[in-house]
Amino acid sequence: MSDRVLSTAIARDAISAFQRIVTGPLLQQISELNTQGQILSEPSNWDGRLAAEFRARWADTHQKLISTQQALEELRRQIQQINQNIMQAGGNM
């Protein structure tokens, strides 16, 4: 493990952009995909042979989207905490 702490202006810009993307459009779009997929997974809304194939795959996709949301949010929190720790240690070079 390195004792070096560093957070360049480039890194801080990337952190800000990452956080804006995750907390803004990306998580909202994943949530919207889940909402629309749930609607389409209901046979009373959409049915037929190909719609049934969609339903057969939807449960797995739905779970993956939820996991992706959670993983991205956790990464966002970690990045924020790591950078805060680096900045407090004087690594803003």
PDB file of N, CA and C in Angstrom:
ATOM      1  N   MET A   1       0.840  -1.179   0.000  1.00  0.00           N
ATOM      2  CA  MET A   1       0.000   0.000   0.000  1.00  0.00           C
ATOM      3  C   MET A   1       0.881   1.237   0.000  1.00  0.00           C
ATOM      4  N   SER A   2       0.533   2.185  -0.820  1.00  0.00           N
ATOM      5  CA  SER A   2       1.308   3.415  -0.966  1.00  0.00           C
ATOM      6  C   SER A   2       0.895   4.451   0.077  1.00  0.00           C
ATOM      7  N   ASP A   3       1.865   5.247   0.512  1.00  0.00           N
ATOM      8  CA  ASP A   3       1.575   6.347   1.430  1.00  0.00           C
ATOM      9  C   ASP A   3       1.257   7.632   0.685  1.00  0.00           C
ATOM     10  N   ARG A   4       1.357   7.591  -0.613  1.00  0.00           N
ATOM     11  CA  ARG A   4       1.148   8.775  -1.445  1.00  0.00           C
ATOM     12  C   ARG A   4      -0.333   9.151  -1.482  1.00  0.00           C
ATOM     13  N   VAL A   5      -0.617  10.437  -1.366  1.00  0.00           N
ATOM     14  CA  VAL A   5      -1.971  10.950  -1.557  1.00  0.00           C
ATOM     15  C   VAL A   5      -1.919  12.043  -2.611  1.00  0.00           C
ATOM     16  N   LEU A   6      -2.826  11.969  -3.565  1.00  0.00           N
ATOM     17  CA  LEU A   6      -2.811  12.913  -4.664  1.00  0.00           C
ATOM     18  C   LEU A   6      -4.211  13.034  -5.238  1.00  0.00           C
ATOM     19  N   SER A   7      -4.619  14.241  -5.487  1.00  0.00           N
ATOM     20  CA  SER A   7      -5.869  14.507  -6.189  1.00  0.00           C
ATOM     21  C   SER A   7      -5.636  15.727  -7.069  1.00  0.00           C
ATOM     22  N   THR A   8      -5.338  15.479  -8.325  1.00  0.00           N
ATOM     23  CA  THR A   8      -5.054  16.568  -9.260  1.00  0.00           C
ATOM     24  C   THR A   8      -6.354  17.259  -9.665  1.00  0.00           C
ATOM     25  N   ALA A   9      -6.221  18.385 -10.298  1.00  0.00           N
ATOM     26  CA  ALA A   9      -7.393  19.094 -10.819  1.00  0.00           C
ATOM     27  C   ALA A   9      -8.137  18.216 -11.825  1.00  0.00           C
ATOM     28  N   ILE A  10      -7.384  17.447 -12.610  1.00  0.00           N
ATOM     29  CA  ILE A  10      -8.007  16.531 -13.582  1.00  0.00           C
ATOM     30  C   ILE A  10      -8.839  15.481 -12.852  1.00  0.00           C
ATOM     31  N   ALA A  11      -8.284  14.934 -11.776  1.00  0.00           N
ATOM     32  CA  ALA A  11      -9.011  13.927 -10.999  1.00  0.00           C
ATOM     33  C   ALA A  11     -10.256  14.545 -10.366  1.00  0.00           C
ATOM     34  N   ARG A  12     -10.128  15.741  -9.817  1.00  0.00           N
ATOM     35  CA  ARG A  12     -11.282  16.382  -9.185  1.00  0.00           C
ATOM     36  C   ARG A  12     -12.375  16.683 -10.207  1.00  0.00           C
ATOM     37  N   ASP A  13     -11.976  17.087 -11.416  1.00  0.00           N
ATOM     38  CA  ASP A  13     -12.972  17.301 -12.481  1.00  0.00           C
ATOM     39  C   ASP A  13     -13.663  15.992 -12.856  1.00  0.00           C
ATOM     40  N   ALA A  14     -12.882  14.917 -12.945  1.00  0.00           N
ATOM     41  CA  ALA A  14     -13.452  13.605 -13.281  1.00  0.00           C
ATOM     42  C   ALA A  14     -14.402  13.130 -12.184  1.00  0.00           C
ATOM     43  N   ILE A  15     -14.054  13.382 -10.932  1.00  0.00           N
ATOM     44  CA  ILE A  15     -14.919  13.012  -9.811  1.00  0.00           C
ATOM     45  C   ILE A  15     -16.239  13.770  -9.901  1.00  0.00           C
ATOM     46  N   SER A  16     -16.151  15.057 -10.146  1.00  0.00           N
ATOM     47  CA  SER A  16     -17.373  15.870 -10.274  1.00  0.00           C
ATOM     48  C   SER A  16     -18.241  15.380 -11.419  1.00  0.00           C
ATOM     49  N   ALA A  17     -17.623  15.088 -12.563  1.00  0.00           N
ATOM     50  CA  ALA A  17     -18.380  14.609 -13.719  1.00  0.00           C
ATOM     51  C   ALA A  17     -19.011  13.255 -13.424  1.00  0.00           C
ATOM     52  N   PHE A  18     -18.251  12.351 -12.804  1.00  0.00           N
ATOM     53  CA  PHE A  18     -18.769  11.028 -12.443  1.00  0.00           C
ATOM     54  C   PHE A  18     -19.992  11.173 -11.548  1.00  0.00           C
ATOM     55  N   GLN A  19     -19.879  12.019 -10.539  1.00  0.00           N
ATOM     56  CA  GLN A  19     -20.981  12.210  -9.600  1.00  0.00           C
ATOM     57  C   GLN A  19     -22.199  12.834 -10.273  1.00  0.00           C
ATOM     58  N   ARG A  20     -21.980  13.803 -11.156  1.00  0.00           N
ATOM     59  CA  ARG A  20     -23.105  14.422 -11.877  1.00  0.00           C
ATOM     60  C   ARG A  20     -23.825  13.403 -12.746  1.00  0.00           C
ATOM     61  N   ILE A  21     -23.059  12.572 -13.427  1.00  0.00           N
ATOM     62  CA  ILE A  21     -23.666  11.561 -14.300  1.00  0.00           C
ATOM     63  C   ILE A  21     -24.456  10.553 -13.486  1.00  0.00           C
ATOM     64  N   VAL A  22     -23.849  10.053 -12.417  1.00  0.00           N
ATOM     65  CA  VAL A  22     -24.511   9.019 -11.609  1.00  0.00           C
ATOM     66  C   VAL A  22     -25.751   9.573 -10.918  1.00  0.00           C
ATOM     67  N   THR A  23     -25.635  10.734 -10.287  1.00  0.00           N
ATOM     68  CA  THR A  23     -26.781  11.254  -9.537  1.00  0.00           C
ATOM     69  C   THR A  23     -27.810  11.906 -10.450  1.00  0.00           C
ATOM     70  N   GLY A  24     -27.433  12.178 -11.664  1.00  0.00           N
ATOM     71  CA  GLY A  24     -28.346  12.829 -12.596  1.00  0.00           C
ATOM     72  C   GLY A  24     -28.975  11.855 -13.556  1.00  0.00           C
ATOM     73  N   PRO A  25     -28.623  11.976 -14.810  1.00  0.00           N
ATOM     74  CA  PRO A  25     -29.353  11.250 -15.837  1.00  0.00           C
ATOM     75  C   PRO A  25     -29.197   9.733 -15.791  1.00  0.00           C
ATOM     76  N   LEU A  26     -28.049   9.223 -15.405  1.00  0.00           N
ATOM     77  CA  LEU A  26     -27.843   7.780 -15.502  1.00  0.00           C
ATOM     78  C   LEU A  26     -28.766   6.994 -14.580  1.00  0.00           C
ATOM     79  N   LEU A  27     -28.771   7.326 -13.294  1.00  0.00           N
ATOM     80  CA  LEU A  27     -29.643   6.591 -12.371  1.00  0.00           C
ATOM     81  C   LEU A  27     -31.109   6.830 -12.688  1.00  0.00           C
ATOM     82  N   GLN A  28     -31.444   8.033 -13.119  1.00  0.00           N
ATOM     83  CA  GLN A  28     -32.826   8.315 -13.496  1.00  0.00           C
ATOM     84  C   GLN A  28     -33.241   7.488 -14.704  1.00  0.00           C
ATOM     85  N   GLN A  29     -32.350   7.357 -15.672  1.00  0.00           N
ATOM     86  CA  GLN A  29     -32.668   6.579 -16.860  1.00  0.00           C
ATOM     87  C   GLN A  29     -32.779   5.094 -16.546  1.00  0.00           C
ATOM     88  N   ILE A  30     -31.929   4.581 -15.680  1.00  0.00           N
ATOM     89  CA  ILE A  30     -32.037   3.176 -15.278  1.00  0.00           C
ATOM     90  C   ILE A  30     -33.350   2.949 -14.554  1.00  0.00           C
ATOM     91  N   SER A  31     -33.725   3.873 -13.695  1.00  0.00           N
ATOM     92  CA  SER A  31     -35.003   3.772 -12.988  1.00  0.00           C
ATOM     93  C   SER A  31     -36.171   3.780 -13.970  1.00  0.00           C
ATOM     94  N   GLU A  32     -36.089   4.649 -14.968  1.00  0.00           N
ATOM     95  CA  GLU A  32     -37.143   4.719 -15.978  1.00  0.00           C
ATOM     96  C   GLU A  32     -37.209   3.433 -16.799  1.00  0.00           C
ATOM     97  N   LEU A  33     -36.053   2.868 -17.129  1.00  0.00           N
ATOM     98  CA  LEU A  33     -36.036   1.572 -17.824  1.00  0.00           C
ATOM     99  C   LEU A  33     -36.740   0.504 -16.997  1.00  0.00           C
ATOM    100  N   ASN A  34     -36.466   0.483 -15.703  1.00  0.00           N
ATOM    101  CA  ASN A  34     -37.131  -0.482 -14.823  1.00  0.00           C
ATOM    102  C   ASN A  34     -38.632  -0.280 -14.814  1.00  0.00           C
ATOM    103  N   THR A  35     -39.061   0.965 -14.728  1.00  0.00           N
ATOM    104  CA  THR A  35     -40.497   1.261 -14.708  1.00  0.00           C
ATOM    105  C   THR A  35     -41.175   0.782 -15.983  1.00  0.00           C
ATOM    106  N   GLN A  36     -40.578   1.127 -17.123  1.00  0.00           N
ATOM    107  CA  GLN A  36     -41.180   0.734 -18.394  1.00  0.00           C
ATOM    108  C   GLN A  36     -41.114  -0.775 -18.601  1.00  0.00           C
ATOM    109  N   GLY A  37     -40.025  -1.389 -18.181  1.00  0.00           N
ATOM    110  CA  GLY A  37     -39.909  -2.851 -18.282  1.00  0.00           C
ATOM    111  C   GLY A  37     -40.941  -3.563 -17.436  1.00  0.00           C
ATOM    112  N   GLN A  38     -41.213  -3.015 -16.249  1.00  0.00           N
ATOM    113  CA  GLN A  38     -42.246  -3.608 -15.392  1.00  0.00           C
ATOM    114  C   GLN A  38     -43.614  -3.542 -16.072  1.00  0.00           C
ATOM    115  N   ILE A  39     -43.901  -2.423 -16.700  1.00  0.00           N
ATOM    116  CA  ILE A  39     -45.177  -2.284 -17.428  1.00  0.00           C
ATOM    117  C   ILE A  39     -45.258  -3.311 -18.539  1.00  0.00           C
ATOM    118  N   LEU A  40     -44.178  -3.447 -19.302  1.00  0.00           N
ATOM    119  CA  LEU A  40     -44.171  -4.384 -20.425  1.00  0.00           C
ATOM    120  C   LEU A  40     -44.167  -5.844 -19.971  1.00  0.00           C
ATOM    121  N   SER A  41     -43.755  -6.090 -18.752  1.00  0.00           N
ATOM    122  CA  SER A  41     -43.714  -7.473 -18.264  1.00  0.00           C
ATOM    123  C   SER A  41     -45.079  -7.978 -17.803  1.00  0.00           C
ATOM    124  N   GLU A  42     -46.050  -7.115 -17.792  1.00  0.00           N
ATOM    125  CA  GLU A  42     -47.409  -7.509 -17.402  1.00  0.00           C
ATOM    126  C   GLU A  42     -48.191  -7.964 -18.633  1.00  0.00           C
ATOM    127  N   PRO A  43     -48.618  -9.240 -18.664  1.00  0.00           N
ATOM    128  CA  PRO A  43     -49.369  -9.723 -19.831  1.00  0.00           C
ATOM    129  C   PRO A  43     -50.656  -8.945 -20.085  1.00  0.00           C
ATOM    130  N   SER A  44     -51.199  -8.325 -19.052  1.00  0.00           N
ATOM    131  CA  SER A  44     -52.417  -7.530 -19.249  1.00  0.00           C
ATOM    132  C   SER A  44     -52.124  -6.237 -20.006  1.00  0.00           C
ATOM    133  N   ASN A  45     -50.840  -5.848 -20.082  1.00  0.00           N
ATOM    134  CA  ASN A  45     -50.439  -4.659 -20.827  1.00  0.00           C
ATOM    135  C   ASN A  45     -49.876  -5.000 -22.204  1.00  0.00           C
ATOM    136  N   TRP A  46     -49.200  -6.146 -22.286  1.00  0.00           N
ATOM    137  CA  TRP A  46     -48.475  -6.479 -23.513  1.00  0.00           C
ATOM    138  C   TRP A  46     -48.348  -7.988 -23.573  1.00  0.00           C
ATOM    139  N   ASP A  47     -48.845  -8.589 -24.642  1.00  0.00           N
ATOM    140  CA  ASP A  47     -48.824 -10.042 -24.704  1.00  0.00           C
ATOM    141  C   ASP A  47     -48.604 -10.518 -26.130  1.00  0.00           C
ATOM    142  N   GLY A  48     -48.266 -11.745 -26.239  1.00  0.00           N
ATOM    143  CA  GLY A  48     -47.966 -12.384 -27.507  1.00  0.00           C
ATOM    144  C   GLY A  48     -46.708 -13.218 -27.321  1.00  0.00           C
ATOM    145  N   ARG A  49     -46.367 -13.990 -28.334  1.00  0.00           N
ATOM    146  CA  ARG A  49     -45.217 -14.893 -28.225  1.00  0.00           C
ATOM    147  C   ARG A  49     -43.928 -14.122 -27.922  1.00  0.00           C
ATOM    148  N   LEU A  50     -43.662 -13.066 -28.657  1.00  0.00           N
ATOM    149  CA  LEU A  50     -42.428 -12.301 -28.428  1.00  0.00           C
ATOM    150  C   LEU A  50     -42.471 -11.517 -27.118  1.00  0.00           C
ATOM    151  N   ALA A  51     -43.657 -11.054 -26.750  1.00  0.00           N
ATOM    152  CA  ALA A  51     -43.793 -10.381 -25.452  1.00  0.00           C
ATOM    153  C   ALA A  51     -43.528 -11.373 -24.322  1.00  0.00           C
ATOM    154  N   ALA A  52     -43.946 -12.607 -24.496  1.00  0.00           N
ATOM    155  CA  ALA A  52     -43.679 -13.646 -23.491  1.00  0.00           C
ATOM    156  C   ALA A  52     -42.176 -13.920 -23.396  1.00  0.00           C
ATOM    157  N   GLU A  53     -41.485 -13.879 -24.535  1.00  0.00           N
ATOM    158  CA  GLU A  53     -40.026 -14.041 -24.515  1.00  0.00           C
ATOM    159  C   GLU A  53     -39.370 -12.886 -23.747  1.00  0.00           C
ATOM    160  N   PHE A  54     -39.881 -11.683 -23.967  1.00  0.00           N
ATOM    161  CA  PHE A  54     -39.385 -10.529 -23.217  1.00  0.00           C
ATOM    162  C   PHE A  54     -39.579 -10.764 -21.719  1.00  0.00           C
ATOM    163  N   ARG A  55     -40.776 -11.187 -21.320  1.00  0.00           N
ATOM    164  CA  ARG A  55     -41.065 -11.430 -19.898  1.00  0.00           C
ATOM    165  C   ARG A  55     -40.122 -12.468 -19.310  1.00  0.00           C
ATOM    166  N   ALA A  56     -39.805 -13.493 -20.111  1.00  0.00           N
ATOM    167  CA  ALA A  56     -38.922 -14.548 -19.620  1.00  0.00           C
ATOM    168  C   ALA A  56     -37.526 -14.004 -19.312  1.00  0.00           C
ATOM    169  N   ARG A  57     -37.110 -12.993 -20.033  1.00  0.00           N
ATOM    170  CA  ARG A  57     -35.786 -12.396 -19.812  1.00  0.00           C
ATOM    171  C   ARG A  57     -35.829 -11.202 -18.866  1.00  0.00           C
ATOM    172  N   TRP A  58     -36.987 -10.613 -18.690  1.00  0.00           N
ATOM    173  CA  TRP A  58     -37.085  -9.362 -17.947  1.00  0.00           C
ATOM    174  C   TRP A  58     -36.665  -9.494 -16.480  1.00  0.00           C
ATOM    175  N   ALA A  59     -37.048 -10.554 -15.802  1.00  0.00           N
ATOM    176  CA  ALA A  59     -36.744 -10.675 -14.367  1.00  0.00           C
ATOM    177  C   ALA A  59     -35.232 -10.574 -14.128  1.00  0.00           C
ATOM    178  N   ASP A  60     -34.451 -11.258 -14.944  1.00  0.00           N
ATOM    179  CA  ASP A  60     -32.998 -11.205 -14.805  1.00  0.00           C
ATOM    180  C   ASP A  60     -32.474  -9.807 -15.119  1.00  0.00           C
ATOM    181  N   THR A  61     -32.980  -9.222 -16.182  1.00  0.00           N
ATOM    182  CA  THR A  61     -32.547  -7.876 -16.569  1.00  0.00           C
ATOM    183  C   THR A  61     -32.915  -6.865 -15.496  1.00  0.00           C
ATOM    184  N   HIS A  62     -34.115  -6.989 -14.959  1.00  0.00           N
ATOM    185  CA  HIS A  62     -34.590  -6.105 -13.893  1.00  0.00           C
ATOM    186  C   HIS A  62     -33.629  -6.156 -12.698  1.00  0.00           C
ATOM    187  N   GLN A  63     -33.261  -7.352 -12.287  1.00  0.00           N
ATOM    188  CA  GLN A  63     -32.347  -7.496 -11.148  1.00  0.00           C
ATOM    189  C   GLN A  63     -30.976  -6.910 -11.461  1.00  0.00           C
ATOM    190  N   LYS A  64     -30.512  -7.090 -12.689  1.00  0.00           N
ATOM    191  CA  LYS A  64     -29.210  -6.531 -13.081  1.00  0.00           C
ATOM    192  C   LYS A  64     -29.248  -5.006 -13.079  1.00  0.00           C
ATOM    193  N   LEU A  65     -30.353  -4.432 -13.519  1.00  0.00           N
ATOM    194  CA  LEU A  65     -30.473  -2.971 -13.503  1.00  0.00           C
ATOM    195  C   LEU A  65     -30.467  -2.440 -12.073  1.00  0.00           C
ATOM    196  N   ILE A  66     -31.160  -3.113 -11.184  1.00  0.00           N
ATOM    197  CA  ILE A  66     -31.176  -2.700  -9.776  1.00  0.00           C
ATOM    198  C   ILE A  66     -29.770  -2.810  -9.185  1.00  0.00           C
ATOM    199  N   SER A  67     -29.080  -3.921  -9.477  1.00  0.00           N
ATOM    200  CA  SER A  67     -27.707  -4.101  -8.984  1.00  0.00           C
ATOM    201  C   SER A  67     -26.782  -3.025  -9.535  1.00  0.00           C
ATOM    202  N   THR A  68     -26.967  -2.681 -10.798  1.00  0.00           N
ATOM    203  CA  THR A  68     -26.151  -1.639 -11.418  1.00  0.00           C
ATOM    204  C   THR A  68     -26.373  -0.299 -10.729  1.00  0.00           C
ATOM    205  N   GLN A  69     -27.625   0.031 -10.463  1.00  0.00           N
ATOM    206  CA  GLN A  69     -27.930   1.278  -9.754  1.00  0.00           C
ATOM    207  C   GLN A  69     -27.217   1.316  -8.408  1.00  0.00           C
ATOM    208  N   GLN A  70     -27.338   0.218  -7.667  1.00  0.00           N
ATOM    209  CA  GLN A  70     -26.732   0.162  -6.337  1.00  0.00           C
ATOM    210  C   GLN A  70     -25.213   0.250  -6.412  1.00  0.00           C
ATOM    211  N   ALA A  71     -24.612  -0.447  -7.372  1.00  0.00           N
ATOM    212  CA  ALA A  71     -23.157  -0.422  -7.513  1.00  0.00           C
ATOM    213  C   ALA A  71     -22.656   0.970  -7.887  1.00  0.00           C
ATOM    214  N   LEU A  72     -23.360   1.636  -8.791  1.00  0.00           N
ATOM    215  CA  LEU A  72     -22.951   2.986  -9.201  1.00  0.00           C
ATOM    216  C   LEU A  72     -23.071   3.970  -8.045  1.00  0.00           C
ATOM    217  N   GLU A  73     -24.133   3.860  -7.284  1.00  0.00           N
ATOM    218  CA  GLU A  73     -24.308   4.755  -6.139  1.00  0.00           C
ATOM    219  C   GLU A  73     -23.226   4.501  -5.095  1.00  0.00           C
ATOM    220  N   GLU A  74     -22.885   3.247  -4.877  1.00  0.00           N
ATOM    221  CA  GLU A  74     -21.826   2.924  -3.926  1.00  0.00           C
ATOM    222  C   GLU A  74     -20.480   3.461  -4.417  1.00  0.00           C
ATOM    223  N   LEU A  75     -20.184   3.314  -5.696  1.00  0.00           N
ATOM    224  CA  LEU A  75     -18.955   3.876  -6.250  1.00  0.00           C
ATOM    225  C   LEU A  75     -18.924   5.388  -6.100  1.00  0.00           C
ATOM    226  N   ARG A  76     -20.049   6.036  -6.346  1.00  0.00           N
ATOM    227  CA  ARG A  76     -20.129   7.491  -6.199  1.00  0.00           C
ATOM    228  C   ARG A  76     -19.794   7.900  -4.770  1.00  0.00           C
ATOM    229  N   ARG A  77     -20.372   7.185  -3.801  1.00  0.00           N
ATOM    230  CA  ARG A  77     -20.098   7.488  -2.388  1.00  0.00           C
ATOM    231  C   ARG A  77     -18.626   7.254  -2.052  1.00  0.00           C
ATOM    232  N   GLN A  78     -18.076   6.142  -2.546  1.00  0.00           N
ATOM    233  CA  GLN A  78     -16.670   5.833  -2.269  1.00  0.00           C
ATOM    234  C   GLN A  78     -15.744   6.879  -2.864  1.00  0.00           C
ATOM    235  N   ILE A  79     -15.996   7.270  -4.101  1.00  0.00           N
ATOM    236  CA  ILE A  79     -15.166   8.284  -4.748  1.00  0.00           C
ATOM    237  C   ILE A  79     -15.207   9.579  -3.953  1.00  0.00           C
ATOM    238  N   GLN A  80     -16.380   9.967  -3.535  1.00  0.00           N
ATOM    239  CA  GLN A  80     -16.526  11.200  -2.764  1.00  0.00           C
ATOM    240  C   GLN A  80     -15.743  11.109  -1.461  1.00  0.00           C
ATOM    241  N   GLN A  81     -15.875   9.976  -0.752  1.00  0.00           N
ATOM    242  CA  GLN A  81     -15.184   9.817   0.530  1.00  0.00           C
ATOM    243  C   GLN A  81     -13.672   9.748   0.354  1.00  0.00           C
ATOM    244  N   ILE A  82     -13.229   9.006  -0.647  1.00  0.00           N
ATOM    245  CA  ILE A  82     -11.790   8.894  -0.896  1.00  0.00           C
ATOM    246  C   ILE A  82     -11.196  10.264  -1.201  1.00  0.00           C
ATOM    247  N   ASN A  83     -11.851  11.007  -2.078  1.00  0.00           N
ATOM    248  CA  ASN A  83     -11.312  12.327  -2.415  1.00  0.00           C
ATOM    249  C   ASN A  83     -11.335  13.260  -1.216  1.00  0.00           C
ATOM    250  N   GLN A  84     -12.374  13.181  -0.422  1.00  0.00           N
ATOM    251  CA  GLN A  84     -12.431  14.011   0.787  1.00  0.00           C
ATOM    252  C   GLN A  84     -11.263  13.664   1.715  1.00  0.00           C
ATOM    253  N   ASN A  85     -10.986  12.376   1.872  1.00  0.00           N
ATOM    254  CA  ASN A  85      -9.863  11.953   2.722  1.00  0.00           C
ATOM    255  C   ASN A  85      -8.539  12.450   2.157  1.00  0.00           C
ATOM    256  N   ILE A  86      -8.375  12.352   0.839  1.00  0.00           N
ATOM    257  CA  ILE A  86      -7.138  12.815   0.205  1.00  0.00           C
ATOM    258  C   ILE A  86      -6.973  14.323   0.401  1.00  0.00           C
ATOM    259  N   MET A  87      -8.031  15.060   0.205  1.00  0.00           N
ATOM    260  CA  MET A  87      -7.957  16.514   0.340  1.00  0.00           C
ATOM    261  C   MET A  87      -7.621  16.893   1.790  1.00  0.00           C
ATOM    262  N   GLN A  88      -8.185  16.189   2.747  1.00  0.00           N
ATOM    263  CA  GLN A  88      -7.889  16.472   4.157  1.00  0.00           C
ATOM    264  C   GLN A  88      -6.445  16.133   4.509  1.00  0.00           C
ATOM    265  N   ALA A  89      -5.883  15.160   3.799  1.00  0.00           N
ATOM    266  CA  ALA A  89      -4.495  14.771   4.039  1.00  0.00           C
ATOM    267  C   ALA A  89      -3.507  15.691   3.332  1.00  0.00           C
ATOM    268  N   GLY A  90      -4.035  16.629   2.560  1.00  0.00           N
ATOM    269  CA  GLY A  90      -3.166  17.570   1.881  1.00  0.00           C
ATOM    270  C   GLY A  90      -2.718  17.106   0.513  1.00  0.00           C
ATOM    271  N   GLY A  91      -3.503  16.281  -0.122  1.00  0.00           N
ATOM    272  CA  GLY A  91      -3.118  15.734  -1.415  1.00  0.00           C
ATOM    273  C   GLY A  91      -3.628  16.498  -2.598  1.00  0.00           C
ATOM    274  N   ASN A  92      -4.007  17.751  -2.402  1.00  0.00           N
ATOM    275  CA  ASN A  92      -4.539  18.525  -3.532  1.00  0.00           C
ATOM    276  C   ASN A  92      -3.396  19.216  -4.268  1.00  0.00           C
ATOM    277  N   MET A  93      -2.681  18.423  -5.028  1.00  0.00           N
ATOM    278  CA  MET A  93      -1.515  18.908  -5.767  1.00  0.00           C
ATOM    279  C   MET A  93      -1.918  19.286  -7.176  1.00  0.00           C
TER     280      MET A  93
END
